[in-house]
Amino acid sequence: MKVLTLAEENSQTRVQSLLSRIQNIEPKEVSVPVFSGNKISLRNSSFTFNLVRDESSSDMPTPATTAGPIDVIIIKAAPISRSYYEVEFDEANPAKPFCWSDDTRTGRPSENVTEQGKQAPNCFECVWNVKGSGKGDSRGCRFHQRIVVMVCADGGITDPSLYQLQLPATSVFGDNPQKMSMQAYARHLNTHKTPLATVITEIYFDKSSTIPKLLFKPKRAVTEEEFKLAVAAQQNSETDKILSSSLSTQSPFTSVEGFTFS
């Protein structure tokens, strides 16, 4: 499988050319807006762009919604995380997770989890990590991953604003090369020595899935101007804050999610 769909434009060569110039690109050359709390939610199998209200205005911006697909540059990705909600999620009265881990590789509860909230010394010993502890055969503590993206408009990056997008487990795991999850997509690009930020990525909902599930595929190489924006965003400390920020008090999952990780 080729990295990019536009092989006739020799896109991979363009990517490698851009990479060879990365050290000559300084963040000060471009301006990347400070993260304002803009987020993309996935409710009702649609992408909803939630914008934070401008402090100088009393009006709440109207969220833009599309069934997709959307084209983005993936600037950075956080480690895979997981969250446990003590009670069934109530959309009318959303609540924060009771316990969560920011990195499943360590399995340690986040330092922001209260002593009362900690369910176990680590995820591997937790009762909510057992198959069947959630609905059906799922686990009570669910996996997710946060990514930071810039969104294309009219075919390119015209607004370098950063958005936080939290992916549910169904969009993180999977090995189908024809319908790539986030992890499969990252491995695919890595095989071709192509960083995420050098590619315009198409993100779309898997319409054959009965539960919300995002898929990823490469669309084209970024332009040099888009690459400069991506590099500046990666080197901006604000980007790491986006990855570490909780999406909101609302759960990113739906009651029908049935993913089981073994």
Protein backbone atom coordinates (compact mmCIF):
# COMPACT_ATOMS: atom_id res chain seq x y z
CA MET A 1 0.00 0.00 0.00
CA LYS A 2 1.32 3.43 -0.93
CA VAL A 3 1.58 6.12 1.71
CA LEU A 4 -0.38 8.65 -0.30
CA THR A 5 -3.14 8.34 -2.83
CA LEU A 6 -1.66 10.91 -5.21
CA ALA A 7 1.32 8.87 -6.34
CA GLU A 8 1.43 10.66 -9.70
CA GLU A 9 2.47 13.84 -7.88
CA ASN A 10 5.33 12.02 -6.16
CA SER A 11 3.97 13.11 -2.80
CA GLN A 12 6.37 11.02 -0.76
CA THR A 13 9.33 12.77 -2.39
CA ARG A 14 7.77 16.10 -1.44
CA VAL A 15 7.42 14.90 2.16
CA GLN A 16 11.08 13.90 2.34
CA SER A 17 12.08 17.24 0.83
CA LEU A 18 10.08 19.06 3.48
CA LEU A 19 11.64 16.94 6.22
CA SER A 20 15.14 17.79 5.00
CA ARG A 21 14.38 21.47 5.64
CA ILE A 22 12.77 21.08 9.06
CA GLN A 23 15.82 22.32 10.96
CA ASN A 24 15.76 25.58 9.01
CA ILE A 25 12.21 26.40 10.06
CA GLU A 26 11.94 28.50 13.19
CA PRO A 27 8.67 28.86 15.16
CA LYS A 28 9.04 32.65 15.08
CA GLU A 29 8.59 32.58 11.30
CA VAL A 30 4.90 31.80 11.67
CA SER A 31 2.22 32.60 14.20
CA VAL A 32 0.17 29.80 15.74
CA PRO A 33 -2.78 30.97 17.87
CA VAL A 34 -2.69 30.12 21.55
CA PHE A 35 -5.08 27.27 22.37
CA SER A 36 -8.44 28.73 23.34
CA GLY A 37 -10.20 25.49 24.26
CA ASN A 38 -11.53 24.67 20.80
CA LYS A 39 -12.58 21.04 20.60
CA ILE A 40 -14.14 18.64 18.13
CA SER A 41 -16.78 16.31 19.55
CA LEU A 42 -18.16 13.16 17.95
CA ARG A 43 -21.73 13.06 19.15
CA ASN A 44 -24.34 11.49 16.89
CA SER A 45 -21.64 10.33 14.47
CA SER A 46 -20.91 13.89 13.40
CA PHE A 47 -17.96 16.23 13.85
CA THR A 48 -19.02 19.21 15.94
CA PHE A 49 -16.59 22.12 16.23
CA ASN A 50 -17.02 23.61 19.68
CA LEU A 51 -15.47 27.07 19.85
CA VAL A 52 -14.73 28.93 23.05
CA ARG A 53 -16.49 32.27 23.40
CA ASP A 54 -14.39 35.35 22.78
CA GLU A 55 -14.03 37.18 26.12
CA SER A 56 -14.85 40.45 24.37
CA SER A 57 -18.21 39.11 23.23
CA SER A 58 -21.25 38.00 25.19
CA ASP A 59 -22.46 35.75 22.37
CA MET A 60 -21.76 32.06 22.35
CA PRO A 61 -20.47 30.90 18.96
CA THR A 62 -22.74 28.44 17.19
CA PRO A 63 -21.02 25.05 16.82
CA ALA A 64 -20.49 23.96 13.23
CA THR A 65 -21.45 20.35 12.57
CA THR A 66 -20.67 18.05 9.67
CA ALA A 67 -21.06 14.33 9.09
CA GLY A 68 -17.63 14.48 7.52
CA PRO A 69 -15.20 13.53 6.34
CA ILE A 70 -12.80 16.21 7.56
CA ASP A 71 -9.23 16.86 6.43
CA VAL A 72 -6.64 17.74 9.08
CA ILE A 73 -2.98 17.87 9.95
CA ILE A 74 -2.41 15.76 13.05
CA ILE A 75 0.06 17.88 15.01
CA LYS A 76 0.61 15.61 18.02
CA ALA A 77 -0.91 12.60 19.73
CA ALA A 78 -0.98 11.87 23.46
CA PRO A 79 -0.34 8.41 24.93
CA ILE A 80 -3.37 6.15 25.07
CA SER A 81 -5.39 6.95 28.19
CA ARG A 82 -8.38 5.43 29.97
CA SER A 83 -11.24 6.64 32.16
CA TYR A 84 -13.69 5.11 34.61
CA TYR A 85 -17.09 6.69 35.30
CA GLU A 86 -18.67 5.64 38.59
CA VAL A 87 -22.22 5.97 37.29
CA GLU A 88 -23.85 5.63 33.89
CA PHE A 89 -23.18 8.77 31.89
CA ASP A 90 -26.08 11.20 31.99
CA GLU A 91 -25.98 13.72 29.15
CA ALA A 92 -28.26 16.08 31.05
CA ASN A 93 -25.94 16.04 34.08
CA PRO A 94 -22.43 15.34 32.81
CA ALA A 95 -19.74 14.50 35.34
CA LYS A 96 -15.98 14.11 35.34
CA PRO A 97 -14.42 10.64 35.33
CA PHE A 98 -14.12 9.12 38.80
CA CYS A 99 -10.70 7.64 38.06
CA TRP A 100 -8.44 7.84 35.04
CA SER A 101 -4.91 7.21 33.79
CA ASP A 102 -3.13 9.59 31.41
CA ASP A 103 -0.84 6.86 30.06
CA THR A 104 -1.81 3.18 29.89
CA ARG A 105 1.84 2.21 29.49
CA THR A 106 2.42 3.03 33.16
CA GLY A 107 -1.10 2.18 34.30
CA ARG A 108 -0.89 4.67 37.14
CA PRO A 109 -3.92 6.78 38.07
CA SER A 110 -3.51 10.45 37.15
CA GLU A 111 -2.07 12.66 39.88
CA ASN A 112 -5.31 14.64 39.62
CA VAL A 113 -7.43 11.68 40.75
CA THR A 114 -8.52 12.00 44.38
CA GLU A 115 -7.68 9.31 46.92
CA GLN A 116 -11.37 8.52 47.11
CA GLY A 117 -11.51 8.15 43.33
CA LYS A 118 -8.57 5.78 42.91
CA GLN A 119 -9.90 2.32 42.15
CA ALA A 120 -6.57 0.47 42.42
CA PRO A 121 -2.82 1.16 42.73
CA ASN A 122 -2.59 0.65 38.96
CA CYS A 123 -4.81 -0.26 36.01
CA PHE A 124 -3.49 -3.79 35.75
CA GLU A 125 -4.85 -4.72 39.19
CA CYS A 126 -8.14 -2.87 38.80
CA VAL A 127 -11.48 -4.71 38.78
CA TRP A 128 -12.70 -2.34 36.04
CA ASN A 129 -9.98 -3.67 33.74
CA VAL A 130 -11.71 -7.05 33.62
CA LYS A 131 -13.74 -8.10 30.59
CA GLY A 132 -17.41 -7.92 31.49
CA SER A 133 -17.02 -5.21 34.14
CA GLY A 134 -18.72 -2.79 31.74
CA LYS A 135 -21.75 -3.23 29.51
CA GLY A 136 -21.82 -6.61 27.80
CA ASP A 137 -18.28 -7.90 27.32
CA SER A 138 -16.65 -4.48 27.57
CA ARG A 139 -14.50 -3.18 30.38
CA GLY A 140 -15.78 -0.65 32.90
CA CYS A 141 -12.68 1.51 32.36
CA ARG A 142 -12.49 2.62 28.75
CA PHE A 143 -9.58 3.52 26.50
CA HIS A 144 -9.24 6.77 24.55
CA GLN A 145 -6.55 8.94 22.99
CA ARG A 146 -6.29 12.71 22.53
CA ILE A 147 -4.85 14.28 19.40
CA VAL A 148 -4.25 17.89 18.35
CA VAL A 149 -5.22 18.90 14.82
CA MET A 150 -5.37 21.81 12.42
CA VAL A 151 -8.42 21.65 10.16
CA CYS A 152 -8.39 22.19 6.39
CA ALA A 153 -10.85 24.56 4.78
CA ASP A 154 -11.28 24.97 1.01
CA GLY A 155 -8.64 22.34 0.40
CA GLY A 156 -5.90 23.71 2.62
CA ILE A 157 -4.93 25.12 6.01
CA THR A 158 -6.16 28.71 6.04
CA ASP A 159 -6.70 28.94 9.81
CA PRO A 160 -3.87 27.59 12.01
CA SER A 161 -6.10 27.33 15.09
CA LEU A 162 -5.59 24.15 17.11
CA TYR A 163 -8.37 21.75 18.06
CA GLN A 164 -8.42 18.95 20.59
CA LEU A 165 -10.05 15.72 19.43
CA GLN A 166 -10.54 12.79 21.80
CA LEU A 167 -10.79 9.39 20.13
CA PRO A 168 -12.79 6.57 21.72
CA ALA A 169 -11.29 3.08 21.83
CA THR A 170 -13.14 2.04 18.70
CA SER A 171 -11.13 4.65 16.78
CA VAL A 172 -7.79 3.89 18.44
CA PHE A 173 -7.34 0.13 18.03
CA GLY A 174 -7.62 -2.14 15.00
CA ASP A 175 -5.38 -3.74 12.37
CA ASN A 176 -7.44 -3.54 9.17
CA PRO A 177 -5.14 -1.93 6.54
CA GLN A 178 -8.16 -1.00 4.41
CA LYS A 179 -9.99 0.71 7.29
CA MET A 180 -7.26 2.12 9.50
CA SER A 181 -7.69 3.04 13.15
CA MET A 182 -5.45 5.75 14.63
CA GLN A 183 -2.84 3.25 15.80
CA ALA A 184 -2.87 1.34 12.51
CA TYR A 185 -2.58 4.61 10.59
CA ALA A 186 0.38 5.79 12.67
CA ARG A 187 2.13 2.44 12.13
CA HIS A 188 1.42 2.63 8.41
CA LEU A 189 3.01 6.07 8.07
CA ASN A 190 5.91 5.06 10.30
CA THR A 191 6.63 2.11 8.01
CA HIS A 192 7.15 4.64 5.22
CA LYS A 193 9.11 7.01 7.49
CA THR A 194 6.41 9.64 7.11
CA PRO A 195 5.59 11.75 10.21
CA LEU A 196 1.92 12.47 10.88
CA ALA A 197 2.44 16.22 10.57
CA THR A 198 3.70 15.97 6.98
CA VAL A 199 0.42 14.55 5.67
CA ILE A 200 -3.09 15.88 5.21
CA THR A 201 -5.17 13.16 6.87
CA GLU A 202 -8.78 12.40 6.06
CA ILE A 203 -10.81 11.41 9.12
CA TYR A 204 -14.21 9.85 8.52
CA PHE A 205 -16.86 7.78 10.28
CA ASP A 206 -17.09 4.08 9.52
CA LYS A 207 -20.65 3.88 8.25
CA SER A 208 -20.67 0.09 8.51
CA SER A 209 -20.13 0.26 12.28
CA THR A 210 -23.11 0.26 14.63
CA ILE A 211 -21.14 2.36 17.15
CA PRO A 212 -19.17 5.59 16.53
CA LYS A 213 -15.88 4.68 14.91
CA LEU A 214 -13.40 6.94 13.12
CA LEU A 215 -11.09 5.82 10.34
CA PHE A 216 -7.97 7.51 8.97
CA LYS A 217 -6.29 7.67 5.59
CA PRO A 218 -3.61 9.86 3.95
CA LYS A 219 -4.86 12.34 1.38
CA ARG A 220 -1.82 14.32 0.24
CA ALA A 221 1.49 15.74 1.37
CA VAL A 222 1.32 19.10 3.11
CA THR A 223 2.49 22.20 1.30
CA GLU A 224 5.59 24.00 2.52
CA GLU A 225 3.49 26.73 4.15
CA GLU A 226 1.31 24.13 5.89
CA PHE A 227 4.45 22.35 7.04
CA LYS A 228 5.79 25.55 8.59
CA LEU A 229 2.56 25.92 10.55
CA ALA A 230 2.73 22.31 11.70
CA VAL A 231 6.34 22.61 12.86
CA ALA A 232 5.60 25.84 14.72
CA ALA A 233 2.65 24.20 16.46
CA GLN A 234 4.70 21.17 17.44
CA GLN A 235 7.38 23.38 18.97
CA ASN A 236 4.82 25.50 20.80
CA SER A 237 4.47 24.52 24.48
CA GLU A 238 0.78 25.33 24.21
CA THR A 239 0.29 22.19 22.12
CA ASP A 240 1.31 19.93 25.00
CA LYS A 241 -1.22 21.69 27.21
CA ILE A 242 -3.94 20.72 24.75
CA LEU A 243 -2.95 17.07 25.00
CA SER A 244 -2.99 17.15 28.79
CA SER A 245 -6.25 19.07 29.08
CA SER A 246 -9.38 17.12 29.87
CA LEU A 247 -11.88 17.41 27.04
CA SER A 248 -14.65 18.55 29.35
CA THR A 249 -16.82 17.13 32.07
CA GLN A 250 -18.68 15.17 29.41
CA SER A 251 -17.93 11.58 28.57
CA PRO A 252 -16.50 10.98 25.07
CA PHE A 253 -18.26 7.61 25.01
CA THR A 254 -21.78 6.50 24.33
CA SER A 255 -23.75 3.88 26.19
CA VAL A 256 -23.66 1.59 23.16
CA GLU A 257 -19.89 1.42 22.93
CA GLY A 258 -18.90 -2.22 23.06
CA PHE A 259 -15.17 -2.26 22.37
CA THR A 260 -13.20 -4.93 24.21
CA PHE A 261 -9.39 -4.72 24.38
CA SER A 262 -7.63 -8.01 25.00
